[in-house]
Amino acid sequence: MNQPPDSFQDAPSLLLVDDDEVFCSVLARALERRGFQVRIAHSTEQGQLLAEQEPPEYAIIDLNMPGGSGLPLLGILKGLDENTRILVLTGYASIATAVEAIKLGAVHYLAKPADADEIVSAFERTSGDSGVAIAPQPMSVDRLEWEHIQKVLADCDGNISAAARHLNMHRRTLQRKLKKHPARR
């Protein structure tokens, strides 16, 4: 996959769905240099429309976008073509969203920042790595809270009001917590 195909028409199709326009532009150019034909969407709705027109062979989906999570798009893409290799790429990584992404059909889950070589390598992986390093110390209390919130939010299908009720927390408090970056492990 590192060698560009003879013609652009033979290039594998890749759908990149991320609300960060600059990031998409830079990543799309890097992936095109690695032999992909890239289409860009800046919302899950745009991504769905592009995928319905022509189901991609590969897809990169951001989790945290305006209007909701990118997770529902995984099921839509798998419904259009079960062979689509989907990678979830997010700046808001959590155990709960990683587990859900894999359950929904993602082949890999990467935290931002990730470069094009890491992404291509993730697409090529077909099995897990039993040699992955175990964290030298347990998660911080702040990180545990973040993980718990993400799990409850996933259990509530992304509904912030329902998650706030489950967490016995005011909706605005939960929204503030969700806008913060995840705590360091």
N, C-alpha and C. Protein backbone atom coordinates (compact mmCIF):
# COMPACT_ATOMS: atom_id res chain seq x y z
N MET A 1 0.80 -1.19 0.00
CA MET A 1 0.00 0.00 0.00
C MET A 1 0.85 1.26 0.00
N ASN A 2 2.13 1.14 0.28
CA ASN A 2 3.00 2.30 0.31
C ASN A 2 3.36 2.79 -1.09
N GLN A 3 3.19 1.96 -2.12
CA GLN A 3 3.47 2.35 -3.48
C GLN A 3 2.19 2.87 -4.13
N PRO A 4 2.24 4.06 -4.76
CA PRO A 4 1.03 4.56 -5.42
C PRO A 4 0.63 3.64 -6.57
N PRO A 5 -0.66 3.42 -6.77
CA PRO A 5 -1.10 2.58 -7.88
C PRO A 5 -0.81 3.23 -9.22
N ASP A 6 -0.87 2.41 -10.30
CA ASP A 6 -0.58 2.92 -11.64
C ASP A 6 -1.50 4.05 -12.04
N SER A 7 -2.77 3.95 -11.66
CA SER A 7 -3.69 5.03 -11.99
C SER A 7 -4.52 5.37 -10.76
N PHE A 8 -4.95 6.60 -10.71
CA PHE A 8 -5.75 7.06 -9.57
C PHE A 8 -7.04 6.27 -9.46
N GLN A 9 -7.57 5.81 -10.60
CA GLN A 9 -8.80 5.03 -10.61
C GLN A 9 -8.65 3.72 -9.86
N ASP A 10 -7.45 3.14 -9.87
CA ASP A 10 -7.20 1.87 -9.19
C ASP A 10 -6.90 2.05 -7.70
N ALA A 11 -6.76 3.29 -7.26
CA ALA A 11 -6.43 3.55 -5.86
C ALA A 11 -7.59 3.13 -4.97
N PRO A 12 -7.30 2.53 -3.80
CA PRO A 12 -8.38 2.18 -2.88
C PRO A 12 -9.06 3.45 -2.35
N SER A 13 -10.38 3.38 -2.25
CA SER A 13 -11.13 4.56 -1.79
C SER A 13 -11.10 4.64 -0.27
N LEU A 14 -10.97 5.86 0.23
CA LEU A 14 -10.92 6.11 1.67
C LEU A 14 -11.81 7.30 1.98
N LEU A 15 -12.68 7.13 2.96
CA LEU A 15 -13.55 8.21 3.43
C LEU A 15 -12.98 8.73 4.75
N LEU A 16 -12.68 10.01 4.80
CA LEU A 16 -12.14 10.67 5.99
C LEU A 16 -13.23 11.57 6.55
N VAL A 17 -13.69 11.28 7.78
CA VAL A 17 -14.77 12.05 8.40
C VAL A 17 -14.24 12.68 9.69
N ASP A 18 -14.03 14.00 9.64
CA ASP A 18 -13.50 14.74 10.79
C ASP A 18 -13.91 16.19 10.62
N ASP A 19 -14.29 16.85 11.71
CA ASP A 19 -14.76 18.23 11.62
C ASP A 19 -13.62 19.25 11.52
N ASP A 20 -12.39 18.84 11.74
CA ASP A 20 -11.24 19.73 11.66
C ASP A 20 -10.76 19.81 10.21
N GLU A 21 -11.11 20.90 9.54
CA GLU A 21 -10.84 21.03 8.10
C GLU A 21 -9.35 21.04 7.78
N VAL A 22 -8.54 21.70 8.60
CA VAL A 22 -7.10 21.75 8.35
C VAL A 22 -6.50 20.36 8.51
N PHE A 23 -6.86 19.68 9.59
CA PHE A 23 -6.37 18.32 9.82
C PHE A 23 -6.74 17.42 8.65
N CYS A 24 -8.00 17.50 8.18
CA CYS A 24 -8.45 16.67 7.05
C CYS A 24 -7.63 16.94 5.80
N SER A 25 -7.38 18.20 5.53
CA SER A 25 -6.62 18.56 4.33
C SER A 25 -5.21 17.98 4.37
N VAL A 26 -4.54 18.13 5.50
CA VAL A 26 -3.17 17.63 5.65
C VAL A 26 -3.14 16.10 5.58
N LEU A 27 -4.04 15.45 6.31
CA LEU A 27 -4.07 13.99 6.33
C LEU A 27 -4.46 13.44 4.96
N ALA A 28 -5.41 14.07 4.29
CA ALA A 28 -5.83 13.59 2.96
C ALA A 28 -4.66 13.62 1.99
N ARG A 29 -3.89 14.71 1.98
CA ARG A 29 -2.72 14.80 1.08
C ARG A 29 -1.71 13.69 1.39
N ALA A 30 -1.47 13.46 2.69
CA ALA A 30 -0.51 12.43 3.09
C ALA A 30 -1.00 11.04 2.67
N LEU A 31 -2.29 10.79 2.81
CA LEU A 31 -2.83 9.48 2.43
C LEU A 31 -2.89 9.31 0.92
N GLU A 32 -3.12 10.39 0.19
CA GLU A 32 -3.09 10.31 -1.28
C GLU A 32 -1.69 9.98 -1.76
N ARG A 33 -0.66 10.52 -1.10
CA ARG A 33 0.73 10.18 -1.44
C ARG A 33 1.03 8.71 -1.16
N ARG A 34 0.25 8.09 -0.29
CA ARG A 34 0.43 6.68 0.05
C ARG A 34 -0.50 5.77 -0.75
N GLY A 35 -1.15 6.34 -1.77
CA GLY A 35 -1.91 5.53 -2.71
C GLY A 35 -3.40 5.45 -2.52
N PHE A 36 -4.00 6.29 -1.69
CA PHE A 36 -5.44 6.25 -1.48
C PHE A 36 -6.14 7.34 -2.28
N GLN A 37 -7.36 7.07 -2.67
CA GLN A 37 -8.26 8.06 -3.27
C GLN A 37 -9.15 8.54 -2.13
N VAL A 38 -8.93 9.76 -1.63
CA VAL A 38 -9.56 10.25 -0.41
C VAL A 38 -10.73 11.18 -0.70
N ARG A 39 -11.85 10.90 -0.02
CA ARG A 39 -13.00 11.81 -0.01
C ARG A 39 -13.16 12.28 1.43
N ILE A 40 -13.51 13.55 1.61
CA ILE A 40 -13.58 14.16 2.95
C ILE A 40 -15.01 14.58 3.27
N ALA A 41 -15.40 14.32 4.52
CA ALA A 41 -16.67 14.82 5.05
C ALA A 41 -16.36 15.45 6.41
N HIS A 42 -17.09 16.51 6.74
CA HIS A 42 -16.86 17.21 8.01
C HIS A 42 -17.97 16.99 9.02
N SER A 43 -18.85 16.04 8.75
CA SER A 43 -19.90 15.66 9.71
C SER A 43 -20.30 14.22 9.42
N THR A 44 -20.95 13.60 10.38
CA THR A 44 -21.41 12.22 10.16
C THR A 44 -22.45 12.17 9.04
N GLU A 45 -23.27 13.23 8.94
CA GLU A 45 -24.29 13.26 7.90
C GLU A 45 -23.64 13.32 6.52
N GLN A 46 -22.62 14.17 6.35
CA GLN A 46 -21.91 14.25 5.07
C GLN A 46 -21.23 12.92 4.78
N GLY A 47 -20.64 12.33 5.80
CA GLY A 47 -19.97 11.04 5.63
C GLY A 47 -20.93 9.97 5.15
N GLN A 48 -22.12 9.95 5.74
CA GLN A 48 -23.13 8.97 5.34
C GLN A 48 -23.53 9.17 3.88
N LEU A 49 -23.75 10.43 3.49
CA LEU A 49 -24.15 10.71 2.10
C LEU A 49 -23.07 10.25 1.12
N LEU A 50 -21.81 10.57 1.41
CA LEU A 50 -20.72 10.14 0.53
C LEU A 50 -20.62 8.62 0.46
N ALA A 51 -20.78 7.97 1.60
CA ALA A 51 -20.68 6.51 1.65
C ALA A 51 -21.84 5.85 0.89
N GLU A 52 -23.02 6.44 0.97
CA GLU A 52 -24.16 5.89 0.25
C GLU A 52 -23.97 6.02 -1.26
N GLN A 53 -23.31 7.10 -1.71
CA GLN A 53 -23.03 7.28 -3.13
C GLN A 53 -22.04 6.23 -3.63
N GLU A 54 -21.01 5.99 -2.81
CA GLU A 54 -19.97 5.01 -3.16
C GLU A 54 -19.34 4.50 -1.87
N PRO A 55 -19.72 3.30 -1.43
CA PRO A 55 -19.15 2.76 -0.19
C PRO A 55 -17.62 2.68 -0.29
N PRO A 56 -16.91 3.20 0.72
CA PRO A 56 -15.45 3.20 0.67
C PRO A 56 -14.87 1.85 1.07
N GLU A 57 -13.64 1.61 0.60
CA GLU A 57 -12.92 0.41 1.03
C GLU A 57 -12.33 0.63 2.42
N TYR A 58 -11.97 1.88 2.72
CA TYR A 58 -11.39 2.27 4.00
C TYR A 58 -12.10 3.51 4.51
N ALA A 59 -12.12 3.67 5.83
CA ALA A 59 -12.71 4.87 6.42
C ALA A 59 -11.97 5.23 7.70
N ILE A 60 -11.83 6.54 7.92
CA ILE A 60 -11.28 7.08 9.16
C ILE A 60 -12.36 7.98 9.73
N ILE A 61 -12.76 7.70 10.96
CA ILE A 61 -13.86 8.45 11.57
C ILE A 61 -13.40 9.06 12.89
N ASP A 62 -13.65 10.36 13.04
CA ASP A 62 -13.41 11.05 14.30
C ASP A 62 -14.61 10.78 15.20
N LEU A 63 -14.36 10.70 16.50
CA LEU A 63 -15.46 10.45 17.43
C LEU A 63 -16.24 11.69 17.80
N ASN A 64 -15.52 12.75 18.15
CA ASN A 64 -16.16 13.93 18.73
C ASN A 64 -16.36 14.99 17.65
N MET A 65 -17.61 15.08 17.15
CA MET A 65 -17.93 16.06 16.12
C MET A 65 -19.18 16.82 16.51
N PRO A 66 -19.35 18.01 15.98
CA PRO A 66 -20.58 18.75 16.27
C PRO A 66 -21.79 17.91 15.87
N GLY A 67 -22.78 17.88 16.72
CA GLY A 67 -23.98 17.12 16.41
C GLY A 67 -23.93 15.69 16.93
N GLY A 68 -22.82 15.30 17.54
CA GLY A 68 -22.79 13.98 18.14
C GLY A 68 -21.56 13.16 17.81
N SER A 69 -21.62 11.94 18.22
CA SER A 69 -20.51 11.00 18.08
C SER A 69 -20.42 10.44 16.67
N GLY A 70 -19.21 10.06 16.27
CA GLY A 70 -19.02 9.39 15.00
C GLY A 70 -19.32 7.91 15.06
N LEU A 71 -19.56 7.36 16.27
CA LEU A 71 -19.81 5.92 16.42
C LEU A 71 -20.98 5.40 15.57
N PRO A 72 -22.12 6.10 15.49
CA PRO A 72 -23.22 5.57 14.67
C PRO A 72 -22.84 5.37 13.19
N LEU A 73 -21.88 6.14 12.71
CA LEU A 73 -21.46 6.01 11.32
C LEU A 73 -20.79 4.67 11.05
N LEU A 74 -20.18 4.07 12.08
CA LEU A 74 -19.55 2.75 11.89
C LEU A 74 -20.58 1.72 11.43
N GLY A 75 -21.71 1.67 12.12
CA GLY A 75 -22.76 0.73 11.75
C GLY A 75 -23.31 0.98 10.36
N ILE A 76 -23.43 2.25 10.01
CA ILE A 76 -23.93 2.61 8.68
C ILE A 76 -22.96 2.13 7.61
N LEU A 77 -21.66 2.39 7.82
CA LEU A 77 -20.66 1.97 6.84
C LEU A 77 -20.61 0.45 6.71
N LYS A 78 -20.67 -0.26 7.84
CA LYS A 78 -20.66 -1.72 7.80
C LYS A 78 -21.92 -2.26 7.13
N GLY A 79 -23.04 -1.55 7.29
CA GLY A 79 -24.27 -1.95 6.62
C GLY A 79 -24.19 -1.79 5.11
N LEU A 80 -23.45 -0.79 4.65
CA LEU A 80 -23.29 -0.56 3.21
C LEU A 80 -22.30 -1.56 2.60
N ASP A 81 -21.23 -1.87 3.34
CA ASP A 81 -20.22 -2.82 2.86
C ASP A 81 -19.50 -3.40 4.07
N GLU A 82 -19.78 -4.64 4.37
CA GLU A 82 -19.21 -5.26 5.57
C GLU A 82 -17.69 -5.39 5.51
N ASN A 83 -17.10 -5.23 4.32
CA ASN A 83 -15.65 -5.35 4.17
C ASN A 83 -14.91 -4.03 4.35
N THR A 84 -15.62 -2.93 4.56
CA THR A 84 -14.97 -1.64 4.78
C THR A 84 -14.11 -1.73 6.03
N ARG A 85 -12.85 -1.33 5.89
CA ARG A 85 -11.92 -1.33 7.03
C ARG A 85 -11.97 0.06 7.65
N ILE A 86 -12.49 0.13 8.89
CA ILE A 86 -12.74 1.41 9.55
C ILE A 86 -11.78 1.60 10.71
N LEU A 87 -11.22 2.80 10.77
CA LEU A 87 -10.34 3.18 11.87
C LEU A 87 -10.97 4.38 12.58
N VAL A 88 -11.04 4.33 13.89
CA VAL A 88 -11.54 5.46 14.67
C VAL A 88 -10.32 6.22 15.16
N LEU A 89 -10.32 7.52 14.92
CA LEU A 89 -9.21 8.39 15.29
C LEU A 89 -9.79 9.53 16.12
N THR A 90 -9.30 9.68 17.36
CA THR A 90 -9.94 10.68 18.23
C THR A 90 -8.96 11.34 19.18
N GLY A 91 -9.24 12.57 19.51
CA GLY A 91 -8.50 13.28 20.54
C GLY A 91 -9.13 13.07 21.91
N TYR A 92 -10.22 12.34 21.96
CA TYR A 92 -10.95 12.09 23.20
C TYR A 92 -11.03 10.59 23.45
N ALA A 93 -9.91 9.94 23.43
CA ALA A 93 -9.87 8.48 23.59
C ALA A 93 -10.30 8.06 24.98
N SER A 94 -11.07 6.99 25.03
CA SER A 94 -11.46 6.39 26.30
C SER A 94 -11.63 4.89 26.09
N ILE A 95 -11.56 4.15 27.16
CA ILE A 95 -11.75 2.70 27.07
C ILE A 95 -13.15 2.38 26.55
N ALA A 96 -14.15 3.07 27.07
CA ALA A 96 -15.54 2.80 26.68
C ALA A 96 -15.76 3.00 25.19
N THR A 97 -15.25 4.11 24.64
CA THR A 97 -15.47 4.36 23.21
C THR A 97 -14.62 3.41 22.36
N ALA A 98 -13.45 3.03 22.84
CA ALA A 98 -12.62 2.07 22.11
C ALA A 98 -13.33 0.72 22.01
N VAL A 99 -13.87 0.26 23.13
CA VAL A 99 -14.58 -1.02 23.13
C VAL A 99 -15.79 -0.96 22.20
N GLU A 100 -16.57 0.11 22.29
CA GLU A 100 -17.75 0.23 21.44
C GLU A 100 -17.37 0.31 19.97
N ALA A 101 -16.31 1.05 19.65
CA ALA A 101 -15.87 1.16 18.25
C ALA A 101 -15.52 -0.21 17.68
N ILE A 102 -14.80 -1.01 18.44
CA ILE A 102 -14.41 -2.34 17.98
C ILE A 102 -15.65 -3.23 17.85
N LYS A 103 -16.57 -3.15 18.82
CA LYS A 103 -17.81 -3.94 18.74
C LYS A 103 -18.61 -3.57 17.50
N LEU A 104 -18.57 -2.28 17.12
CA LEU A 104 -19.34 -1.81 15.97
C LEU A 104 -18.64 -2.07 14.63
N GLY A 105 -17.42 -2.60 14.68
CA GLY A 105 -16.77 -3.00 13.44
C GLY A 105 -15.48 -2.29 13.07
N ALA A 106 -14.99 -1.39 13.91
CA ALA A 106 -13.71 -0.75 13.61
C ALA A 106 -12.59 -1.79 13.69
N VAL A 107 -11.61 -1.66 12.80
CA VAL A 107 -10.47 -2.57 12.85
C VAL A 107 -9.39 -2.04 13.78
N HIS A 108 -9.44 -0.74 14.07
CA HIS A 108 -8.45 -0.17 14.97
C HIS A 108 -8.99 1.14 15.53
N TYR A 109 -8.36 1.58 16.62
CA TYR A 109 -8.76 2.79 17.34
C TYR A 109 -7.46 3.50 17.73
N LEU A 110 -7.26 4.70 17.23
CA LEU A 110 -6.04 5.44 17.53
C LEU A 110 -6.38 6.78 18.17
N ALA A 111 -5.53 7.18 19.11
CA ALA A 111 -5.66 8.51 19.71
C ALA A 111 -4.86 9.51 18.89
N LYS A 112 -5.41 10.71 18.73
CA LYS A 112 -4.67 11.78 18.06
C LYS A 112 -3.58 12.27 19.01
N PRO A 113 -2.48 12.72 18.53
CA PRO A 113 -2.11 12.80 17.12
C PRO A 113 -1.60 11.46 16.61
N ALA A 114 -1.94 11.15 15.38
CA ALA A 114 -1.44 9.96 14.69
C ALA A 114 -1.07 10.39 13.28
N ASP A 115 0.05 9.91 12.78
CA ASP A 115 0.45 10.31 11.43
C ASP A 115 -0.04 9.29 10.40
N ALA A 116 0.13 9.63 9.14
CA ALA A 116 -0.38 8.79 8.05
C ALA A 116 0.23 7.40 8.07
N ASP A 117 1.51 7.28 8.42
CA ASP A 117 2.14 5.96 8.46
C ASP A 117 1.51 5.08 9.54
N GLU A 118 1.22 5.66 10.71
CA GLU A 118 0.56 4.90 11.77
C GLU A 118 -0.83 4.44 11.33
N ILE A 119 -1.52 5.30 10.61
CA ILE A 119 -2.87 4.98 10.14
C ILE A 119 -2.83 3.85 9.12
N VAL A 120 -1.94 3.95 8.14
CA VAL A 120 -1.82 2.90 7.12
C VAL A 120 -1.43 1.58 7.78
N SER A 121 -0.51 1.64 8.73
CA SER A 121 -0.09 0.44 9.46
C SER A 121 -1.27 -0.18 10.22
N ALA A 122 -2.10 0.66 10.83
CA ALA A 122 -3.27 0.17 11.56
C ALA A 122 -4.26 -0.51 10.62
N PHE A 123 -4.43 0.03 9.41
CA PHE A 123 -5.33 -0.60 8.44
C PHE A 123 -4.81 -1.98 8.03
N GLU A 124 -3.50 -2.12 7.97
CA GLU A 124 -2.90 -3.38 7.52
C GLU A 124 -2.90 -4.47 8.58
N ARG A 125 -3.03 -4.07 9.85
CA ARG A 125 -3.02 -5.07 10.93
C ARG A 125 -4.28 -5.93 10.87
N THR A 126 -4.10 -7.22 11.00
CA THR A 126 -5.24 -8.12 10.95
C THR A 126 -5.44 -8.88 12.26
N SER A 127 -4.54 -8.69 13.22
CA SER A 127 -4.69 -9.37 14.50
C SER A 127 -4.19 -8.46 15.61
N GLY A 128 -4.51 -8.84 16.84
CA GLY A 128 -4.09 -8.07 18.01
C GLY A 128 -2.63 -8.28 18.34
N ASP A 129 -2.13 -7.52 19.27
CA ASP A 129 -0.74 -7.60 19.70
C ASP A 129 -0.70 -8.01 21.17
N SER A 130 -0.36 -9.27 21.42
CA SER A 130 -0.34 -9.75 22.80
C SER A 130 0.86 -9.21 23.57
N GLY A 131 1.78 -8.56 22.88
CA GLY A 131 2.96 -7.99 23.52
C GLY A 131 2.82 -6.53 23.89
N VAL A 132 1.61 -5.99 23.77
CA VAL A 132 1.42 -4.57 24.10
C VAL A 132 1.75 -4.34 25.58
N ALA A 133 2.42 -3.23 25.83
CA ALA A 133 2.88 -2.93 27.19
C ALA A 133 1.72 -2.59 28.12
N ILE A 134 1.83 -3.05 29.36
CA ILE A 134 0.85 -2.73 30.39
C ILE A 134 1.31 -1.46 31.09
N ALA A 135 0.38 -0.56 31.38
CA ALA A 135 0.72 0.71 32.03
C ALA A 135 1.45 0.43 33.35
N PRO A 136 2.49 1.21 33.63
CA PRO A 136 3.27 0.97 34.84
C PRO A 136 2.53 1.31 36.14
N GLN A 137 1.48 2.11 36.05
CA GLN A 137 0.71 2.46 37.24
C GLN A 137 -0.76 2.59 36.87
N PRO A 138 -1.65 2.45 37.86
CA PRO A 138 -3.08 2.56 37.55
C PRO A 138 -3.45 3.97 37.11
N MET A 139 -4.64 4.09 36.53
CA MET A 139 -5.14 5.39 36.08
C MET A 139 -5.35 6.33 37.25
N SER A 140 -5.21 7.63 36.97
CA SER A 140 -5.48 8.64 38.00
C SER A 140 -6.98 8.69 38.28
N VAL A 141 -7.35 9.28 39.39
CA VAL A 141 -8.76 9.41 39.75
C VAL A 141 -9.50 10.23 38.69
N ASP A 142 -8.86 11.31 38.21
CA ASP A 142 -9.49 12.14 37.17
C ASP A 142 -9.73 11.33 35.90
N ARG A 143 -8.77 10.49 35.54
CA ARG A 143 -8.91 9.66 34.34
C ARG A 143 -10.01 8.61 34.55
N LEU A 144 -10.07 8.03 35.73
CA LEU A 144 -11.12 7.06 36.03
C LEU A 144 -12.50 7.71 35.91
N GLU A 145 -12.61 8.95 36.40
CA GLU A 145 -13.89 9.67 36.27
C GLU A 145 -14.23 9.86 34.79
N TRP A 146 -13.25 10.29 34.00
CA TRP A 146 -13.45 10.50 32.56
C TRP A 146 -13.93 9.20 31.90
N GLU A 147 -13.26 8.09 32.22
CA GLU A 147 -13.61 6.79 31.65
C GLU A 147 -15.03 6.40 32.04
N HIS A 148 -15.39 6.62 33.32
CA HIS A 148 -16.73 6.27 33.78
C HIS A 148 -17.79 7.10 33.05
N ILE A 149 -17.55 8.37 32.91
CA ILE A 149 -18.48 9.26 32.19
C ILE A 149 -18.65 8.78 30.76
N GLN A 150 -17.55 8.43 30.10
CA GLN A 150 -17.61 7.96 28.71
C GLN A 150 -18.42 6.67 28.60
N LYS A 151 -18.25 5.77 29.57
CA LYS A 151 -18.99 4.50 29.55
C LYS A 151 -20.48 4.77 29.73
N VAL A 152 -20.84 5.60 30.69
CA VAL A 152 -22.25 5.91 30.93
C VAL A 152 -22.84 6.61 29.70
N LEU A 153 -22.10 7.53 29.11
CA LEU A 153 -22.56 8.23 27.91
C LEU A 153 -22.77 7.24 26.76
N ALA A 154 -21.86 6.30 26.59
CA ALA A 154 -22.01 5.27 25.55
C ALA A 154 -23.23 4.40 25.84
N ASP A 155 -23.43 4.04 27.11
CA ASP A 155 -24.60 3.23 27.49
C ASP A 155 -25.91 3.96 27.22
N CYS A 156 -25.86 5.29 27.24
CA CYS A 156 -27.05 6.12 26.99
C CYS A 156 -27.12 6.57 25.53
N ASP A 157 -26.36 5.90 24.66
CA ASP A 157 -26.35 6.21 23.22
C ASP A 157 -26.03 7.67 22.92
N GLY A 158 -25.14 8.26 23.73
CA GLY A 158 -24.70 9.63 23.50
C GLY A 158 -25.66 10.69 24.01
N ASN A 159 -26.75 10.30 24.66
CA ASN A 159 -27.74 11.24 25.16
C ASN A 159 -27.21 11.86 26.47
N ILE A 160 -26.84 13.14 26.41
CA ILE A 160 -26.23 13.81 27.56
C ILE A 160 -27.22 13.93 28.72
N SER A 161 -28.48 14.23 28.43
CA SER A 161 -29.47 14.36 29.51
C SER A 161 -29.65 13.04 30.26
N ALA A 162 -29.75 11.95 29.51
CA ALA A 162 -29.92 10.63 30.14
C ALA A 162 -28.67 10.26 30.93
N ALA A 163 -27.50 10.54 30.37
CA ALA A 163 -26.25 10.23 31.08
C ALA A 163 -26.16 11.05 32.37
N ALA A 164 -26.53 12.32 32.32
CA ALA A 164 -26.49 13.16 33.52
C ALA A 164 -27.42 12.59 34.60
N ARG A 165 -28.59 12.11 34.21
CA ARG A 165 -29.50 11.50 35.19
C ARG A 165 -28.87 10.25 35.80
N HIS A 166 -28.25 9.41 34.96
CA HIS A 166 -27.60 8.18 35.46
C HIS A 166 -26.44 8.50 36.39
N LEU A 167 -25.75 9.59 36.12
CA LEU A 167 -24.60 9.98 36.94
C LEU A 167 -25.00 10.82 38.15
N ASN A 168 -26.32 11.12 38.26
CA ASN A 168 -26.82 11.98 39.33
C ASN A 168 -26.07 13.32 39.32
N MET A 169 -26.03 13.91 38.13
CA MET A 169 -25.26 15.13 37.91
C MET A 169 -26.11 16.10 37.09
N HIS A 170 -25.93 17.36 37.31
CA HIS A 170 -26.64 18.36 36.51
C HIS A 170 -26.13 18.27 35.07
N ARG A 171 -27.03 18.46 34.11
CA ARG A 171 -26.67 18.36 32.69
C ARG A 171 -25.54 19.32 32.33
N ARG A 172 -25.60 20.55 32.82
CA ARG A 172 -24.55 21.54 32.49
C ARG A 172 -23.20 21.12 33.04
N THR A 173 -23.20 20.54 34.23
CA THR A 173 -21.95 20.06 34.82
C THR A 173 -21.35 18.99 33.93
N LEU A 174 -22.19 18.07 33.47
CA LEU A 174 -21.70 17.01 32.59
C LEU A 174 -21.18 17.60 31.28
N GLN A 175 -21.87 18.57 30.72
CA GLN A 175 -21.42 19.20 29.48
C GLN A 175 -20.04 19.85 29.67
N ARG A 176 -19.84 20.53 30.82
CA ARG A 176 -18.53 21.14 31.10
C ARG A 176 -17.45 20.07 31.18
N LYS A 177 -17.74 18.98 31.85
CA LYS A 177 -16.76 17.89 31.97
C LYS A 177 -16.43 17.29 30.60
N LEU A 178 -17.42 17.19 29.74
CA LEU A 178 -17.19 16.61 28.42
C LEU A 178 -16.39 17.54 27.51
N LYS A 179 -16.45 18.84 27.75
CA LYS A 179 -15.69 19.78 26.93
C LYS A 179 -14.21 19.79 27.29
N LYS A 180 -13.90 19.35 28.50
CA LYS A 180 -12.49 19.28 28.92
C LYS A 180 -11.81 18.12 28.21
N HIS A 181 -10.51 18.26 28.03
CA HIS A 181 -9.74 17.15 27.47
C HIS A 181 -9.64 16.05 28.51
N PRO A 182 -9.54 14.80 28.05
CA PRO A 182 -9.43 13.72 29.04
C PRO A 182 -8.20 13.89 29.92
N ALA A 183 -8.35 13.50 31.17
CA ALA A 183 -7.23 13.58 32.11
C ALA A 183 -6.15 12.61 31.69
N ARG A 184 -4.93 12.95 32.02
CA ARG A 184 -3.81 12.03 31.73
C ARG A 184 -3.99 10.76 32.53
N ARG A 185 -3.51 9.70 31.99
CA ARG A 185 -3.61 8.40 32.65
C ARG A 185 -2.81 8.43 33.90
